[in-house]
Amino acid sequence: MSIRKIVMHPAEILEQICRPVEKFDRKLAKILDDMYDTMIENDGVGLAAPQIGLNLRVAIVDIDDESGTIEMINPRIIKTAGEQTGPEGCLSFPDLFGEVTRPDFVKIEAFDRKGRSCSLEAEGFLARAIQHEIDHLDGILFTTKVTRYLKEDELKGVESE
């Protein structure tokens, strides 16, 4: 495994719609492993492939709870419900945080690293992190959804996605 360099805004790849993964092979497994190591090294709770310079529909989320590491390949949001507003950050925007409103519940379908189809339901912070990362795969940045930017003293315990 290796740590990859995080792509910083305003890099063009961060605002592109990523292409679907077609080959589920060792190369994809290495990308996922590297993404995990890179996310942990940078104290993140999620990371999308464009954030390491790859135009692929691949993202991971790990909010350090019983859900463990969630690998999403070619994810699609199937259903959302409710609403939550909370702080978000992003590894591609160091030291920038803002309040974002998102659905409180999300159901997705995706593939795992072996190409098996799976579905997942999430609520609260996990749902927020999943939606943030899927947005990355569609070239959507959290800054386009911020209703108010937060100052440092408002950020107790906020993690970057």
N, C-alpha and C. Protein backbone atom coordinates (compact mmCIF):
# COMPACT_ATOMS: atom_id res chain seq x y z
N MET A 1 0.84 -1.18 0.00
CA MET A 1 0.00 0.00 0.00
C MET A 1 0.89 1.25 0.00
N SER A 2 0.31 2.31 -0.49
CA SER A 2 1.07 3.56 -0.46
C SER A 2 0.13 4.74 -0.32
N ILE A 3 0.71 5.81 0.18
CA ILE A 3 -0.03 7.05 0.37
C ILE A 3 0.03 7.82 -0.94
N ARG A 4 -1.12 8.23 -1.43
CA ARG A 4 -1.18 9.03 -2.66
C ARG A 4 -1.31 10.50 -2.29
N LYS A 5 -0.92 11.34 -3.23
CA LYS A 5 -1.04 12.79 -3.03
C LYS A 5 -2.50 13.21 -3.23
N ILE A 6 -3.00 14.01 -2.29
CA ILE A 6 -4.37 14.52 -2.41
C ILE A 6 -4.39 15.67 -3.43
N VAL A 7 -5.31 15.59 -4.37
CA VAL A 7 -5.50 16.65 -5.36
C VAL A 7 -6.26 17.80 -4.69
N MET A 8 -5.72 19.00 -4.81
CA MET A 8 -6.32 20.18 -4.19
C MET A 8 -7.14 20.98 -5.20
N HIS A 9 -8.20 21.59 -4.71
CA HIS A 9 -8.99 22.51 -5.52
C HIS A 9 -8.08 23.67 -5.88
N PRO A 10 -8.07 24.17 -7.09
CA PRO A 10 -9.08 24.07 -8.14
C PRO A 10 -8.74 23.09 -9.27
N ALA A 11 -8.14 21.97 -8.98
CA ALA A 11 -7.80 21.01 -10.03
C ALA A 11 -9.05 20.60 -10.82
N GLU A 12 -8.89 20.57 -12.14
CA GLU A 12 -10.01 20.31 -13.05
C GLU A 12 -10.68 18.96 -12.79
N ILE A 13 -9.91 17.94 -12.43
CA ILE A 13 -10.47 16.60 -12.25
C ILE A 13 -11.54 16.56 -11.15
N LEU A 14 -11.46 17.48 -10.20
CA LEU A 14 -12.43 17.50 -9.10
C LEU A 14 -13.83 17.90 -9.55
N GLU A 15 -13.94 18.49 -10.73
CA GLU A 15 -15.25 18.93 -11.21
C GLU A 15 -15.69 18.17 -12.46
N GLN A 16 -15.11 16.99 -12.67
CA GLN A 16 -15.48 16.16 -13.81
C GLN A 16 -16.34 14.98 -13.36
N ILE A 17 -17.25 14.56 -14.22
CA ILE A 17 -18.02 13.35 -13.95
C ILE A 17 -17.09 12.17 -14.24
N CYS A 18 -16.94 11.28 -13.26
CA CYS A 18 -16.00 10.17 -13.40
C CYS A 18 -16.59 9.04 -14.23
N ARG A 19 -15.69 8.30 -14.87
CA ARG A 19 -16.12 7.19 -15.72
C ARG A 19 -16.28 5.92 -14.87
N PRO A 20 -17.21 5.07 -15.27
CA PRO A 20 -17.45 3.83 -14.51
C PRO A 20 -16.26 2.88 -14.56
N VAL A 21 -16.11 2.11 -13.51
CA VAL A 21 -15.12 1.04 -13.46
C VAL A 21 -15.66 -0.12 -14.29
N GLU A 22 -14.80 -0.67 -15.13
CA GLU A 22 -15.20 -1.81 -15.96
C GLU A 22 -14.43 -3.08 -15.60
N LYS A 23 -13.23 -2.92 -15.06
CA LYS A 23 -12.41 -4.09 -14.72
C LYS A 23 -12.23 -4.16 -13.21
N PHE A 24 -12.63 -5.29 -12.65
CA PHE A 24 -12.47 -5.54 -11.22
C PHE A 24 -11.28 -6.48 -11.07
N ASP A 25 -10.11 -5.90 -10.89
CA ASP A 25 -8.87 -6.67 -10.90
C ASP A 25 -7.94 -6.23 -9.77
N ARG A 26 -6.70 -6.73 -9.82
CA ARG A 26 -5.72 -6.38 -8.78
C ARG A 26 -5.40 -4.89 -8.76
N LYS A 27 -5.41 -4.29 -9.93
CA LYS A 27 -5.13 -2.85 -10.01
C LYS A 27 -6.19 -2.07 -9.24
N LEU A 28 -7.46 -2.45 -9.39
CA LEU A 28 -8.53 -1.79 -8.65
C LEU A 28 -8.36 -2.03 -7.15
N ALA A 29 -8.02 -3.25 -6.76
CA ALA A 29 -7.81 -3.55 -5.34
C ALA A 29 -6.68 -2.70 -4.77
N LYS A 30 -5.61 -2.49 -5.54
CA LYS A 30 -4.50 -1.66 -5.08
C LYS A 30 -4.95 -0.21 -4.93
N ILE A 31 -5.74 0.28 -5.87
CA ILE A 31 -6.27 1.65 -5.77
C ILE A 31 -7.08 1.80 -4.48
N LEU A 32 -7.96 0.84 -4.21
CA LEU A 32 -8.78 0.90 -2.99
C LEU A 32 -7.91 0.86 -1.74
N ASP A 33 -6.90 0.00 -1.72
CA ASP A 33 -6.00 -0.07 -0.57
C ASP A 33 -5.25 1.24 -0.38
N ASP A 34 -4.75 1.79 -1.49
CA ASP A 34 -4.03 3.08 -1.42
C ASP A 34 -4.97 4.20 -0.96
N MET A 35 -6.21 4.18 -1.44
CA MET A 35 -7.17 5.21 -1.03
C MET A 35 -7.41 5.14 0.48
N TYR A 36 -7.54 3.94 1.00
CA TYR A 36 -7.75 3.79 2.44
C TYR A 36 -6.56 4.35 3.21
N ASP A 37 -5.35 3.95 2.83
CA ASP A 37 -4.16 4.44 3.52
C ASP A 37 -4.04 5.96 3.43
N THR A 38 -4.36 6.50 2.27
CA THR A 38 -4.29 7.95 2.05
C THR A 38 -5.32 8.67 2.92
N MET A 39 -6.53 8.14 2.97
CA MET A 39 -7.59 8.74 3.79
C MET A 39 -7.17 8.75 5.27
N ILE A 40 -6.68 7.62 5.77
CA ILE A 40 -6.28 7.53 7.17
C ILE A 40 -5.11 8.46 7.47
N GLU A 41 -4.12 8.47 6.59
CA GLU A 41 -2.95 9.34 6.77
C GLU A 41 -3.34 10.81 6.86
N ASN A 42 -4.41 11.18 6.18
CA ASN A 42 -4.85 12.58 6.15
C ASN A 42 -6.02 12.87 7.09
N ASP A 43 -6.30 11.92 8.00
CA ASP A 43 -7.38 12.08 9.00
C ASP A 43 -8.73 12.35 8.37
N GLY A 44 -9.02 11.69 7.25
CA GLY A 44 -10.32 11.85 6.60
C GLY A 44 -11.27 10.73 6.98
N VAL A 45 -12.53 10.90 6.61
CA VAL A 45 -13.54 9.86 6.82
C VAL A 45 -14.09 9.37 5.48
N GLY A 46 -13.57 9.90 4.40
CA GLY A 46 -13.98 9.48 3.07
C GLY A 46 -12.99 9.99 2.04
N LEU A 47 -12.95 9.32 0.90
CA LEU A 47 -12.06 9.73 -0.17
C LEU A 47 -12.61 9.18 -1.49
N ALA A 48 -12.60 10.02 -2.51
CA ALA A 48 -13.05 9.62 -3.84
C ALA A 48 -11.86 9.61 -4.79
N ALA A 49 -11.92 8.74 -5.79
CA ALA A 49 -10.80 8.57 -6.73
C ALA A 49 -10.32 9.89 -7.35
N PRO A 50 -11.20 10.82 -7.74
CA PRO A 50 -10.67 12.06 -8.32
C PRO A 50 -9.78 12.85 -7.35
N GLN A 51 -9.95 12.60 -6.04
CA GLN A 51 -9.12 13.29 -5.06
C GLN A 51 -7.68 12.78 -5.04
N ILE A 52 -7.44 11.65 -5.72
CA ILE A 52 -6.06 11.19 -5.90
C ILE A 52 -5.70 11.18 -7.38
N GLY A 53 -6.47 11.95 -8.16
CA GLY A 53 -6.14 12.15 -9.57
C GLY A 53 -6.65 11.11 -10.53
N LEU A 54 -7.58 10.26 -10.10
CA LEU A 54 -8.09 9.20 -10.97
C LEU A 54 -9.54 9.47 -11.37
N ASN A 55 -9.80 9.40 -12.67
CA ASN A 55 -11.15 9.61 -13.17
C ASN A 55 -11.87 8.25 -13.18
N LEU A 56 -12.28 7.83 -11.98
CA LEU A 56 -12.97 6.54 -11.81
C LEU A 56 -14.07 6.70 -10.77
N ARG A 57 -15.15 5.96 -10.95
CA ARG A 57 -16.27 6.00 -9.99
C ARG A 57 -15.97 5.05 -8.83
N VAL A 58 -15.03 5.48 -8.01
CA VAL A 58 -14.59 4.70 -6.85
C VAL A 58 -14.49 5.64 -5.66
N ALA A 59 -15.07 5.23 -4.53
CA ALA A 59 -14.98 6.03 -3.31
C ALA A 59 -15.00 5.11 -2.11
N ILE A 60 -14.44 5.59 -1.02
CA ILE A 60 -14.47 4.85 0.24
C ILE A 60 -14.93 5.78 1.35
N VAL A 61 -15.53 5.17 2.37
CA VAL A 61 -15.96 5.91 3.55
C VAL A 61 -15.65 5.04 4.77
N ASP A 62 -15.12 5.65 5.81
CA ASP A 62 -14.92 4.97 7.08
C ASP A 62 -15.03 6.02 8.17
N ILE A 63 -16.18 6.03 8.86
CA ILE A 63 -16.39 7.05 9.89
C ILE A 63 -16.00 6.52 11.27
N ASP A 64 -15.27 5.39 11.30
CA ASP A 64 -14.76 4.82 12.54
C ASP A 64 -15.90 4.36 13.45
N ASP A 65 -16.85 3.64 12.87
CA ASP A 65 -17.93 3.06 13.66
C ASP A 65 -18.06 1.59 13.28
N GLU A 66 -19.15 0.95 13.71
CA GLU A 66 -19.33 -0.48 13.46
C GLU A 66 -19.52 -0.81 11.98
N SER A 67 -19.77 0.18 11.14
CA SER A 67 -19.93 -0.06 9.70
C SER A 67 -18.62 -0.47 9.04
N GLY A 68 -17.50 -0.09 9.64
CA GLY A 68 -16.20 -0.40 9.05
C GLY A 68 -15.96 0.41 7.79
N THR A 69 -15.06 -0.08 6.96
CA THR A 69 -14.73 0.61 5.71
C THR A 69 -15.73 0.21 4.63
N ILE A 70 -16.33 1.22 4.01
CA ILE A 70 -17.29 0.99 2.94
C ILE A 70 -16.62 1.36 1.63
N GLU A 71 -16.50 0.38 0.74
CA GLU A 71 -15.95 0.61 -0.59
C GLU A 71 -17.10 0.68 -1.59
N MET A 72 -17.14 1.77 -2.35
CA MET A 72 -18.24 1.97 -3.31
C MET A 72 -17.66 2.11 -4.71
N ILE A 73 -18.00 1.16 -5.57
CA ILE A 73 -17.56 1.20 -6.96
C ILE A 73 -18.81 1.35 -7.82
N ASN A 74 -18.80 2.35 -8.68
CA ASN A 74 -19.96 2.68 -9.51
C ASN A 74 -21.23 2.85 -8.67
N PRO A 75 -21.16 3.60 -7.56
CA PRO A 75 -22.34 3.73 -6.70
C PRO A 75 -23.45 4.56 -7.34
N ARG A 76 -24.70 4.21 -6.97
CA ARG A 76 -25.87 4.97 -7.40
C ARG A 76 -26.76 5.16 -6.18
N ILE A 77 -27.25 6.38 -6.02
CA ILE A 77 -28.20 6.65 -4.95
C ILE A 77 -29.58 6.20 -5.44
N ILE A 78 -30.22 5.33 -4.67
CA ILE A 78 -31.52 4.76 -5.02
C ILE A 78 -32.65 5.53 -4.33
N LYS A 79 -32.41 5.92 -3.08
CA LYS A 79 -33.46 6.57 -2.30
C LYS A 79 -32.84 7.47 -1.25
N THR A 80 -33.50 8.59 -0.99
CA THR A 80 -33.12 9.47 0.11
C THR A 80 -34.38 9.87 0.86
N ALA A 81 -34.19 10.26 2.12
CA ALA A 81 -35.32 10.71 2.93
C ALA A 81 -34.81 11.61 4.04
N GLY A 82 -35.70 12.47 4.53
CA GLY A 82 -35.36 13.32 5.65
C GLY A 82 -34.41 14.43 5.28
N GLU A 83 -33.93 15.11 6.30
CA GLU A 83 -33.01 16.22 6.08
C GLU A 83 -32.15 16.41 7.32
N GLN A 84 -30.90 16.75 7.11
CA GLN A 84 -29.97 17.07 8.18
C GLN A 84 -29.09 18.22 7.70
N THR A 85 -28.71 19.06 8.62
CA THR A 85 -27.77 20.14 8.33
C THR A 85 -26.61 20.00 9.31
N GLY A 86 -25.41 20.02 8.77
CA GLY A 86 -24.24 19.87 9.63
C GLY A 86 -22.98 20.31 8.94
N PRO A 87 -21.88 20.33 9.70
CA PRO A 87 -20.60 20.78 9.15
C PRO A 87 -19.98 19.72 8.23
N GLU A 88 -19.35 20.20 7.17
CA GLU A 88 -18.57 19.33 6.28
C GLU A 88 -17.25 20.00 5.97
N GLY A 89 -16.28 19.14 5.73
CA GLY A 89 -14.99 19.57 5.25
C GLY A 89 -14.60 18.63 4.12
N CYS A 90 -13.44 18.86 3.54
CA CYS A 90 -13.01 18.03 2.42
C CYS A 90 -11.49 18.05 2.35
N LEU A 91 -10.89 16.89 2.14
CA LEU A 91 -9.44 16.82 2.08
C LEU A 91 -8.87 17.64 0.92
N SER A 92 -9.67 17.92 -0.09
CA SER A 92 -9.22 18.73 -1.23
C SER A 92 -9.36 20.23 -0.97
N PHE A 93 -9.92 20.59 0.19
CA PHE A 93 -10.08 21.99 0.61
C PHE A 93 -9.58 22.11 2.05
N PRO A 94 -8.27 22.05 2.27
CA PRO A 94 -7.77 22.08 3.65
C PRO A 94 -8.24 23.33 4.40
N ASP A 95 -8.62 23.11 5.67
CA ASP A 95 -9.00 24.19 6.57
C ASP A 95 -10.23 24.97 6.13
N LEU A 96 -11.08 24.37 5.30
CA LEU A 96 -12.31 25.02 4.88
C LEU A 96 -13.48 24.14 5.30
N PHE A 97 -14.40 24.71 6.05
CA PHE A 97 -15.56 23.96 6.54
C PHE A 97 -16.81 24.80 6.37
N GLY A 98 -17.92 24.12 6.11
CA GLY A 98 -19.17 24.82 5.96
C GLY A 98 -20.35 23.96 6.34
N GLU A 99 -21.47 24.61 6.62
CA GLU A 99 -22.71 23.89 6.89
C GLU A 99 -23.36 23.49 5.59
N VAL A 100 -23.75 22.22 5.51
CA VAL A 100 -24.38 21.68 4.31
C VAL A 100 -25.63 20.91 4.72
N THR A 101 -26.71 21.10 3.98
CA THR A 101 -27.95 20.35 4.20
C THR A 101 -28.02 19.21 3.19
N ARG A 102 -28.25 18.01 3.71
CA ARG A 102 -28.35 16.81 2.89
C ARG A 102 -29.48 15.93 3.44
N PRO A 103 -29.91 14.95 2.65
CA PRO A 103 -30.85 13.97 3.21
C PRO A 103 -30.24 13.25 4.41
N ASP A 104 -31.07 12.90 5.38
CA ASP A 104 -30.61 12.22 6.59
C ASP A 104 -30.49 10.71 6.37
N PHE A 105 -31.16 10.20 5.33
CA PHE A 105 -31.14 8.77 5.03
C PHE A 105 -30.78 8.60 3.56
N VAL A 106 -29.98 7.59 3.28
CA VAL A 106 -29.63 7.29 1.89
C VAL A 106 -29.57 5.78 1.70
N LYS A 107 -30.07 5.33 0.54
CA LYS A 107 -29.90 3.94 0.14
C LYS A 107 -29.15 3.96 -1.18
N ILE A 108 -28.09 3.17 -1.24
CA ILE A 108 -27.28 3.13 -2.46
C ILE A 108 -27.15 1.69 -2.96
N GLU A 109 -26.84 1.59 -4.24
CA GLU A 109 -26.40 0.33 -4.84
C GLU A 109 -25.01 0.59 -5.41
N ALA A 110 -24.14 -0.39 -5.26
CA ALA A 110 -22.77 -0.25 -5.75
C ALA A 110 -22.21 -1.65 -5.98
N PHE A 111 -20.93 -1.69 -6.33
CA PHE A 111 -20.22 -2.95 -6.47
C PHE A 111 -19.07 -2.95 -5.48
N ASP A 112 -18.68 -4.15 -5.03
CA ASP A 112 -17.50 -4.26 -4.18
C ASP A 112 -16.27 -4.50 -5.06
N ARG A 113 -15.13 -4.63 -4.44
CA ARG A 113 -13.87 -4.76 -5.20
C ARG A 113 -13.82 -6.02 -6.08
N LYS A 114 -14.66 -6.98 -5.80
CA LYS A 114 -14.70 -8.21 -6.61
C LYS A 114 -15.77 -8.17 -7.69
N GLY A 115 -16.48 -7.03 -7.79
CA GLY A 115 -17.50 -6.89 -8.83
C GLY A 115 -18.87 -7.39 -8.42
N ARG A 116 -19.05 -7.70 -7.13
CA ARG A 116 -20.35 -8.15 -6.65
C ARG A 116 -21.23 -6.96 -6.33
N SER A 117 -22.49 -7.05 -6.75
CA SER A 117 -23.45 -5.99 -6.48
C SER A 117 -23.85 -6.02 -5.00
N CYS A 118 -24.00 -4.84 -4.41
CA CYS A 118 -24.44 -4.77 -3.02
C CYS A 118 -25.26 -3.50 -2.83
N SER A 119 -26.06 -3.50 -1.78
CA SER A 119 -26.80 -2.29 -1.45
C SER A 119 -26.54 -1.95 0.01
N LEU A 120 -26.75 -0.70 0.34
CA LEU A 120 -26.44 -0.22 1.68
C LEU A 120 -27.41 0.89 2.03
N GLU A 121 -27.85 0.90 3.27
CA GLU A 121 -28.66 1.98 3.80
C GLU A 121 -27.88 2.64 4.93
N ALA A 122 -27.98 3.96 5.01
CA ALA A 122 -27.25 4.69 6.04
C ALA A 122 -28.06 5.90 6.49
N GLU A 123 -27.80 6.30 7.73
CA GLU A 123 -28.45 7.48 8.29
C GLU A 123 -27.40 8.38 8.92
N GLY A 124 -27.80 9.61 9.19
CA GLY A 124 -26.96 10.53 9.95
C GLY A 124 -25.63 10.83 9.29
N PHE A 125 -24.56 10.82 10.12
CA PHE A 125 -23.24 11.20 9.63
C PHE A 125 -22.73 10.26 8.53
N LEU A 126 -23.03 8.96 8.65
CA LEU A 126 -22.60 8.02 7.61
C LEU A 126 -23.28 8.34 6.28
N ALA A 127 -24.57 8.66 6.32
CA ALA A 127 -25.29 9.05 5.10
C ALA A 127 -24.68 10.31 4.50
N ARG A 128 -24.31 11.26 5.36
CA ARG A 128 -23.68 12.50 4.89
C ARG A 128 -22.37 12.20 4.19
N ALA A 129 -21.54 11.36 4.80
CA ALA A 129 -20.22 11.04 4.22
C ALA A 129 -20.37 10.33 2.88
N ILE A 130 -21.30 9.38 2.80
CA ILE A 130 -21.52 8.64 1.55
C ILE A 130 -21.96 9.60 0.44
N GLN A 131 -22.90 10.48 0.74
CA GLN A 131 -23.38 11.43 -0.28
C GLN A 131 -22.28 12.39 -0.71
N HIS A 132 -21.45 12.82 0.23
CA HIS A 132 -20.33 13.72 -0.10
C HIS A 132 -19.40 13.05 -1.11
N GLU A 133 -19.08 11.78 -0.86
CA GLU A 133 -18.15 11.08 -1.75
C GLU A 133 -18.79 10.79 -3.11
N ILE A 134 -20.06 10.42 -3.15
CA ILE A 134 -20.72 10.19 -4.44
C ILE A 134 -20.79 11.50 -5.22
N ASP A 135 -21.02 12.62 -4.52
CA ASP A 135 -20.97 13.92 -5.20
C ASP A 135 -19.64 14.11 -5.92
N HIS A 136 -18.53 13.74 -5.26
CA HIS A 136 -17.21 13.86 -5.91
C HIS A 136 -17.18 13.13 -7.24
N LEU A 137 -17.81 11.97 -7.31
CA LEU A 137 -17.79 11.16 -8.53
C LEU A 137 -18.60 11.80 -9.65
N ASP A 138 -19.48 12.72 -9.27
CA ASP A 138 -20.29 13.46 -10.24
C ASP A 138 -19.75 14.87 -10.47
N GLY A 139 -18.55 15.14 -9.96
CA GLY A 139 -17.93 16.45 -10.16
C GLY A 139 -18.56 17.56 -9.33
N ILE A 140 -19.28 17.20 -8.28
CA ILE A 140 -19.95 18.18 -7.42
C ILE A 140 -19.14 18.36 -6.15
N LEU A 141 -18.78 19.60 -5.85
CA LEU A 141 -17.99 19.91 -4.66
C LEU A 141 -18.88 20.41 -3.53
N PHE A 142 -18.51 20.08 -2.31
CA PHE A 142 -19.33 20.48 -1.17
C PHE A 142 -19.49 21.99 -1.07
N THR A 143 -18.54 22.72 -1.62
CA THR A 143 -18.60 24.19 -1.55
C THR A 143 -19.80 24.74 -2.32
N THR A 144 -20.33 23.97 -3.27
CA THR A 144 -21.51 24.42 -4.01
C THR A 144 -22.78 24.25 -3.19
N LYS A 145 -22.69 23.53 -2.07
CA LYS A 145 -23.85 23.27 -1.22
C LYS A 145 -23.78 23.96 0.14
N VAL A 146 -22.69 24.65 0.38
CA VAL A 146 -22.51 25.31 1.69
C VAL A 146 -23.50 26.46 1.84
N THR A 147 -24.19 26.47 2.98
CA THR A 147 -25.11 27.58 3.27
C THR A 147 -24.42 28.64 4.13
N ARG A 148 -23.38 28.21 4.86
CA ARG A 148 -22.64 29.14 5.71
C ARG A 148 -21.27 28.53 6.00
N TYR A 149 -20.22 29.31 5.80
CA TYR A 149 -18.88 28.84 6.14
C TYR A 149 -18.66 28.98 7.64
N LEU A 150 -17.89 28.04 8.20
CA LEU A 150 -17.69 27.98 9.64
C LEU A 150 -16.31 28.50 10.02
N LYS A 151 -16.26 29.15 11.17
CA LYS A 151 -14.98 29.63 11.71
C LYS A 151 -14.37 28.53 12.57
N GLU A 152 -13.07 28.62 12.80
CA GLU A 152 -12.35 27.57 13.50
C GLU A 152 -12.95 27.23 14.87
N ASP A 153 -13.42 28.22 15.61
CA ASP A 153 -13.96 27.96 16.95
C ASP A 153 -15.32 27.24 16.92
N GLU A 154 -15.92 27.09 15.75
CA GLU A 154 -17.19 26.38 15.60
C GLU A 154 -16.99 24.91 15.23
N LEU A 155 -15.75 24.48 15.13
CA LEU A 155 -15.45 23.18 14.52
C LEU A 155 -15.08 22.06 15.48
N LYS A 156 -15.48 22.09 16.68
CA LYS A 156 -15.10 21.05 17.63
C LYS A 156 -15.47 19.67 17.10
N GLY A 157 -14.45 18.82 16.83
CA GLY A 157 -14.70 17.44 16.43
C GLY A 157 -15.16 17.20 15.01
N VAL A 158 -15.05 18.18 14.14
CA VAL A 158 -15.47 17.98 12.73
C VAL A 158 -14.34 17.29 11.97
N GLU A 159 -14.70 16.27 11.18
CA GLU A 159 -13.70 15.57 10.39
C GLU A 159 -13.91 15.86 8.91
N SER A 160 -12.85 15.79 8.15
CA SER A 160 -12.93 16.06 6.70
C SER A 160 -13.33 14.80 5.95
N GLU A 161 -14.13 15.00 4.90
CA GLU A 161 -14.60 13.87 4.09
C GLU A 161 -13.86 13.85 2.77
